Amino acid sequence: MKYAWIQQHRDSFPIAQMCRVLRVGRSGYYQSLCRGLSPRAQRSDRIRQAVRQVHQESTEIYGSYKIADRLQNDESLETACRNTVAKAMRQMGLKSRVSKKFKPTTTVSDPSKKPAPNLLDQVFETDAPNKKWVTDITYLPTASGWVYLAVVLDLFSRKVVGWSLSESLATPLVTDAMRQAIENRRPTTSKLLHHSDRGCQYTSSEYQKMLATMNVTCSMSRTGCCYDNAVMERFFWSLKHEWTEFESFANIQEVRMSVFRYIETFYNPIRIHQTLGYKSPDQFEADHTAKVAV
């Protein structure tokens, strides 16, 4: 193992120094090159290569649990348990770039509007798509000012089904996201539960009229209880801590491209979720469709 490590890092550190630190002789190291690496050392090398590959493919987001799951489910990669993956990551100095702090956000309600009851009641699971949608707004900074992102997410698969960006917090921001979700999914709206916080955009006459016209059932969080919409809060946390905090934006156009890349090319089709059995939203829905069709 020590010889294999020296061989792997020979371009980064002097061989003599590595042999001295690891307390092995240089002659033994050079003899190992002639003998070739042992099967154990070869497997360790393949594991490190696989771990590095998955870590890079996730844009350095995945930690040892998700990397280990990828190795278990990808026949082209060397299989390893979570502890082995964690050890390999430590040896190579790899770690998830995601901060572990989670600070749920809140919103400001309009006291002149009557909110809907909390019908969701923190039951975030459902047995099929298009039965429970959650939605919310977050803020993203640019050099020219704040921009606002509204997202609609299906609780069945955690898939983002609609989203909208604007430089204004006015109600069209959320109506555009909801209309996009309806166009993308074509749900049976009479069977759809729509959950949001009590923000003035969601309690507005314009938005409530749209939901009523489609016969969508409306549910709202309790005052100041961000955990009533925890899945949506968690998505925004992931977007920021996995993606946007590592970029800077000049204007809304740059934000739009970055959010598009995260949602449409990574989050929905690729990013695996522990809640979904380490599947991406798209894969989880595809498996469900196949199962229902049998």
Protein backbone atom coordinates (compact mmCIF):
# COMPACT_ATOMS: atom_id res chain seq x y z
CA MET A 1 0.00 0.00 0.00
CA LYS A 2 2.81 2.43 0.84
CA TYR A 3 4.62 1.67 -2.41
CA ALA A 4 1.38 2.14 -4.36
CA TRP A 5 0.83 5.53 -2.69
CA ILE A 6 4.37 6.63 -3.53
CA GLN A 7 3.88 5.55 -7.13
CA GLN A 8 0.62 7.46 -7.37
CA HIS A 9 2.16 10.69 -6.00
CA ARG A 10 5.58 10.45 -7.62
CA ASP A 11 4.90 13.53 -9.77
CA SER A 12 3.89 15.61 -6.73
CA PHE A 13 6.59 14.84 -4.16
CA PRO A 14 10.24 13.68 -4.21
CA ILE A 15 10.46 9.88 -3.96
CA ALA A 16 13.19 10.06 -1.33
CA GLN A 17 11.07 12.33 0.87
CA MET A 18 8.00 10.08 0.59
CA CYS A 19 10.06 6.99 1.44
CA ARG A 20 11.48 8.74 4.49
CA VAL A 21 8.07 9.91 5.73
CA LEU A 22 6.49 6.49 5.17
CA ARG A 23 9.55 4.73 6.63
CA VAL A 24 10.25 2.47 3.67
CA GLY A 25 13.49 2.00 1.78
CA ARG A 26 13.99 3.41 -1.68
CA SER A 27 15.43 0.10 -2.83
CA GLY A 28 12.23 -1.66 -1.73
CA TYR A 29 10.17 0.88 -3.64
CA TYR A 30 12.15 0.41 -6.86
CA GLN A 31 12.03 -3.36 -6.47
CA SER A 32 8.24 -3.13 -6.17
CA LEU A 33 8.16 -1.42 -9.58
CA CYS A 34 9.90 -4.42 -11.08
CA ARG A 35 7.57 -6.86 -9.35
CA GLY A 36 4.49 -4.86 -10.20
CA LEU A 37 1.76 -3.86 -7.78
CA SER A 38 0.08 -6.54 -5.69
CA PRO A 39 -3.58 -7.36 -6.44
CA ARG A 40 -4.57 -5.50 -3.28
CA ALA A 41 -2.62 -2.42 -4.31
CA GLN A 42 -4.08 -2.59 -7.81
CA ARG A 43 -7.61 -2.69 -6.38
CA SER A 44 -6.86 0.24 -4.09
CA ASP A 45 -5.61 2.20 -7.08
CA ARG A 46 -8.80 1.40 -9.05
CA ILE A 47 -10.92 2.50 -6.10
CA ARG A 48 -9.12 5.82 -5.86
CA GLN A 49 -9.52 6.40 -9.58
CA ALA A 50 -13.25 5.61 -9.38
CA VAL A 51 -13.76 7.83 -6.33
CA ARG A 52 -11.98 10.72 -8.01
CA GLN A 53 -14.04 10.25 -11.17
CA VAL A 54 -17.41 10.30 -9.37
CA HIS A 55 -16.31 13.23 -7.19
CA GLN A 56 -15.39 15.25 -10.26
CA GLU A 57 -18.56 14.28 -12.17
CA SER A 58 -20.66 15.59 -9.27
CA THR A 59 -18.76 18.91 -9.46
CA GLU A 60 -17.26 18.05 -6.05
CA ILE A 61 -20.71 17.95 -4.41
CA TYR A 62 -20.97 14.27 -3.42
CA GLY A 63 -19.58 12.97 -0.12
CA SER A 64 -18.61 9.40 0.72
CA TYR A 65 -22.19 8.07 1.04
CA LYS A 66 -23.30 9.12 -2.43
CA ILE A 67 -19.99 8.20 -4.05
CA ALA A 68 -20.15 4.72 -2.49
CA ASP A 69 -23.68 4.29 -3.83
CA ARG A 70 -22.53 5.26 -7.34
CA LEU A 71 -19.74 2.70 -7.17
CA GLN A 72 -22.21 0.01 -6.08
CA ASN A 73 -24.54 0.75 -8.98
CA ASP A 74 -22.14 1.43 -11.86
CA GLU A 75 -20.60 -1.71 -13.32
CA SER A 76 -17.86 0.29 -15.02
CA LEU A 77 -16.45 1.43 -11.65
CA GLU A 78 -14.64 -0.44 -8.89
CA THR A 79 -17.03 -1.32 -6.04
CA ALA A 80 -16.21 -0.17 -2.50
CA CYS A 81 -18.07 0.31 0.77
CA ARG A 82 -18.64 3.73 2.31
CA ASN A 83 -15.75 3.42 4.81
CA THR A 84 -13.31 2.49 2.03
CA VAL A 85 -14.52 5.42 -0.05
CA ALA A 86 -14.12 7.78 2.90
CA LYS A 87 -10.57 6.51 3.46
CA ALA A 88 -9.71 6.99 -0.21
CA MET A 89 -11.11 10.53 -0.11
CA ARG A 90 -8.97 11.37 2.93
CA GLN A 91 -5.88 9.97 1.24
CA MET A 92 -6.50 12.10 -1.87
CA GLY A 93 -7.62 15.20 0.04
CA LEU A 94 -11.09 15.09 -1.48
CA LYS A 95 -14.22 16.27 0.31
CA SER A 96 -17.66 17.60 -0.52
CA ARG A 97 -17.55 21.33 -1.07
CA VAL A 98 -21.03 21.66 0.47
CA SER A 99 -21.34 23.50 3.77
CA LYS A 100 -23.28 21.58 6.42
CA LYS A 101 -25.06 24.61 7.87
CA PHE A 102 -28.77 24.73 7.10
CA LYS A 103 -30.70 27.93 7.79
CA PRO A 104 -34.34 27.77 6.69
CA THR A 105 -35.75 30.98 5.23
CA THR A 106 -39.02 32.66 6.05
CA THR A 107 -41.31 35.04 4.20
CA VAL A 108 -43.59 38.02 4.82
CA SER A 109 -47.34 37.49 4.65
CA ASP A 110 -50.09 39.93 3.77
CA PRO A 111 -52.29 40.33 6.91
CA SER A 112 -55.20 41.52 4.81
CA LYS A 113 -55.47 38.14 3.06
CA LYS A 114 -56.93 34.97 4.53
CA PRO A 115 -54.47 32.05 4.16
CA ALA A 116 -55.48 28.53 3.22
CA PRO A 117 -55.33 25.79 5.89
CA ASN A 118 -52.25 23.60 6.23
CA LEU A 119 -53.59 20.51 4.45
CA LEU A 120 -50.14 19.13 3.69
CA ASP A 121 -49.34 18.97 7.42
CA GLN A 122 -45.68 18.01 6.83
CA VAL A 123 -46.63 14.76 5.05
CA PHE A 124 -44.05 15.06 2.28
CA GLU A 125 -44.55 11.59 0.77
CA THR A 126 -47.04 10.58 -1.93
CA ASP A 127 -47.56 7.46 -4.04
CA ALA A 128 -47.62 9.02 -7.52
CA PRO A 129 -46.53 12.11 -9.46
CA ASN A 130 -48.66 15.24 -9.69
CA LYS A 131 -50.50 14.76 -6.41
CA LYS A 132 -48.54 17.13 -4.16
CA TRP A 133 -46.59 20.15 -5.36
CA VAL A 134 -44.70 22.61 -3.15
CA THR A 135 -43.48 26.04 -4.16
CA ASP A 136 -41.52 28.98 -2.78
CA ILE A 137 -39.31 31.97 -3.66
CA THR A 138 -35.64 32.63 -2.93
CA TYR A 139 -33.15 35.42 -3.60
CA LEU A 140 -29.92 35.35 -5.62
CA PRO A 141 -27.40 38.22 -5.77
CA THR A 142 -25.94 39.80 -8.89
CA ALA A 143 -23.63 42.76 -9.43
CA SER A 144 -26.64 44.77 -10.57
CA GLY A 145 -28.97 43.81 -7.73
CA TRP A 146 -31.12 40.96 -6.41
CA VAL A 147 -33.01 38.56 -8.65
CA TYR A 148 -35.79 36.28 -7.47
CA LEU A 149 -36.34 32.61 -8.23
CA ALA A 150 -39.70 30.85 -7.86
CA VAL A 151 -39.72 27.03 -8.02
CA VAL A 152 -42.44 24.38 -8.13
CA LEU A 153 -41.38 20.91 -6.96
CA ASP A 154 -43.21 17.56 -7.10
CA LEU A 155 -42.98 15.82 -3.72
CA PHE A 156 -43.24 12.36 -5.28
CA SER A 157 -39.84 12.52 -6.96
CA ARG A 158 -38.44 15.83 -5.63
CA LYS A 159 -38.32 16.91 -9.27
CA VAL A 160 -38.42 20.59 -10.21
CA VAL A 161 -41.42 20.83 -12.55
CA GLY A 162 -41.50 24.58 -13.01
CA TRP A 163 -39.35 27.62 -12.25
CA SER A 164 -39.21 31.32 -13.05
CA LEU A 165 -36.72 34.17 -12.59
CA SER A 166 -37.47 37.89 -12.31
CA GLU A 167 -36.00 41.14 -11.06
CA SER A 168 -39.36 41.79 -9.41
CA LEU A 169 -41.09 40.07 -6.50
CA ALA A 170 -44.51 40.80 -7.97
CA THR A 171 -47.05 37.99 -8.38
CA PRO A 172 -46.20 37.19 -12.06
CA LEU A 173 -42.98 35.60 -10.76
CA VAL A 174 -44.91 32.79 -9.08
CA THR A 175 -47.71 32.53 -11.65
CA ASP A 176 -45.11 32.02 -14.40
CA ALA A 177 -43.48 29.17 -12.45
CA MET A 178 -46.85 27.52 -11.82
CA ARG A 179 -47.99 27.86 -15.43
CA GLN A 180 -44.73 26.32 -16.61
CA ALA A 181 -45.28 23.41 -14.22
CA ILE A 182 -48.83 22.87 -15.52
CA GLU A 183 -47.63 22.95 -19.14
CA ASN A 184 -44.76 20.56 -18.42
CA ARG A 185 -46.76 18.00 -16.44
CA ARG A 186 -50.39 18.28 -17.63
CA PRO A 187 -51.68 17.03 -14.25
CA THR A 188 -55.25 16.24 -13.31
CA THR A 189 -55.54 19.51 -11.43
CA SER A 190 -58.61 18.47 -9.45
CA LYS A 191 -56.40 15.85 -7.71
CA LEU A 192 -53.48 18.20 -7.11
CA LEU A 193 -52.55 19.69 -3.71
CA HIS A 194 -50.56 22.92 -3.99
CA HIS A 195 -48.60 23.95 -0.90
CA SER A 196 -46.78 27.23 -0.26
CA ASP A 197 -46.01 29.62 2.56
CA ARG A 198 -48.24 32.60 3.31
CA GLY A 199 -46.26 35.03 1.18
CA CYS A 200 -48.23 37.86 -0.35
CA GLN A 201 -47.62 36.52 -3.87
CA TYR A 202 -49.37 33.23 -3.04
CA THR A 203 -52.27 34.82 -1.15
CA SER A 204 -52.82 37.44 -3.86
CA SER A 205 -56.17 37.54 -5.65
CA GLU A 206 -54.46 36.92 -8.99
CA TYR A 207 -52.71 33.75 -7.87
CA GLN A 208 -55.67 32.38 -5.93
CA LYS A 209 -57.95 32.98 -8.91
CA MET A 210 -55.57 30.96 -11.11
CA LEU A 211 -55.61 28.03 -8.67
CA ALA A 212 -59.40 28.19 -8.31
CA THR A 213 -59.90 28.27 -12.07
CA MET A 214 -57.87 25.05 -12.39
CA ASN A 215 -59.65 23.51 -9.37
CA VAL A 216 -56.33 23.03 -7.55
CA THR A 217 -56.54 22.50 -3.79
CA CYS A 218 -54.53 25.11 -1.89
CA SER A 219 -52.54 24.47 1.30
CA MET A 220 -50.33 26.92 3.21
CA SER A 221 -47.75 26.69 5.98
CA ARG A 222 -48.39 28.00 9.45
CA THR A 223 -47.10 31.46 10.26
CA GLY A 224 -43.32 31.47 10.66
CA CYS A 225 -43.01 27.66 10.43
CA CYS A 226 -40.51 27.03 7.65
CA TYR A 227 -40.56 23.29 8.43
CA ASP A 228 -44.07 23.06 6.98
CA ASN A 229 -42.38 23.57 3.61
CA ALA A 230 -39.09 21.86 4.48
CA VAL A 231 -38.57 20.03 1.18
CA MET A 232 -38.72 23.29 -0.74
CA GLU A 233 -36.39 24.96 1.74
CA ARG A 234 -33.99 22.04 1.34
CA PHE A 235 -33.97 22.43 -2.45
CA PHE A 236 -33.00 26.09 -2.15
CA TRP A 237 -30.29 25.15 0.35
CA SER A 238 -28.89 22.62 -2.14
CA LEU A 239 -29.04 25.08 -5.04
CA LYS A 240 -27.07 27.67 -3.12
CA HIS A 241 -24.59 25.50 -1.20
CA GLU A 242 -23.89 23.13 -4.08
CA TRP A 243 -23.96 25.62 -6.93
CA THR A 244 -24.57 29.37 -6.85
CA GLU A 245 -22.31 30.19 -3.88
CA PHE A 246 -19.36 29.12 -6.04
CA GLU A 247 -20.26 31.55 -8.82
CA SER A 248 -20.71 35.29 -9.21
CA PHE A 249 -23.25 36.88 -11.54
CA ALA A 250 -23.26 40.18 -13.38
CA ASN A 251 -26.97 40.16 -14.20
CA ILE A 252 -30.14 38.10 -14.40
CA GLN A 253 -29.11 36.49 -17.71
CA GLU A 254 -26.08 34.88 -16.06
CA VAL A 255 -28.23 33.68 -13.16
CA ARG A 256 -30.73 32.19 -15.60
CA MET A 257 -28.04 30.16 -17.36
CA SER A 258 -26.58 28.92 -14.07
CA VAL A 259 -29.97 27.92 -12.62
CA PHE A 260 -30.84 26.20 -15.91
CA ARG A 261 -27.63 24.16 -15.76
CA TYR A 262 -28.25 23.16 -12.16
CA ILE A 263 -31.91 22.17 -12.54
CA GLU A 264 -32.14 20.86 -16.07
CA THR A 265 -28.73 19.26 -16.60
CA PHE A 266 -27.79 18.15 -13.06
CA TYR A 267 -30.50 18.22 -10.38
CA ASN A 268 -33.39 16.59 -12.27
CA PRO A 269 -31.51 14.05 -14.43
CA ILE A 270 -28.37 13.25 -12.40
CA ARG A 271 -28.34 14.34 -8.75
CA ILE A 272 -29.15 11.36 -6.54
CA HIS A 273 -31.28 11.67 -3.38
CA GLN A 274 -31.10 9.53 -0.28
CA THR A 275 -34.88 9.93 0.07
CA LEU A 276 -35.33 8.37 -3.39
CA GLY A 277 -33.11 5.37 -2.69
CA TYR A 278 -30.10 7.11 -4.22
CA LYS A 279 -31.82 7.79 -7.53
CA SER A 280 -32.22 11.05 -9.42
CA PRO A 281 -35.73 12.53 -9.79
CA ASP A 282 -35.86 11.55 -13.47
CA GLN A 283 -34.72 7.98 -12.76
CA PHE A 284 -37.17 7.63 -9.86
CA GLU A 285 -40.07 8.69 -12.08
CA ALA A 286 -38.91 6.46 -14.95
CA ASP A 287 -38.78 3.44 -12.62
CA HIS A 288 -42.26 4.27 -11.33
CA THR A 289 -43.65 4.53 -14.87
CA ALA A 290 -42.12 1.17 -15.78
CA LYS A 291 -43.52 -0.46 -12.64
CA VAL A 292 -47.03 0.91 -13.24
CA ALA A 293 -46.98 -0.25 -16.87
CA VAL A 294 -46.36 -3.90 -15.90
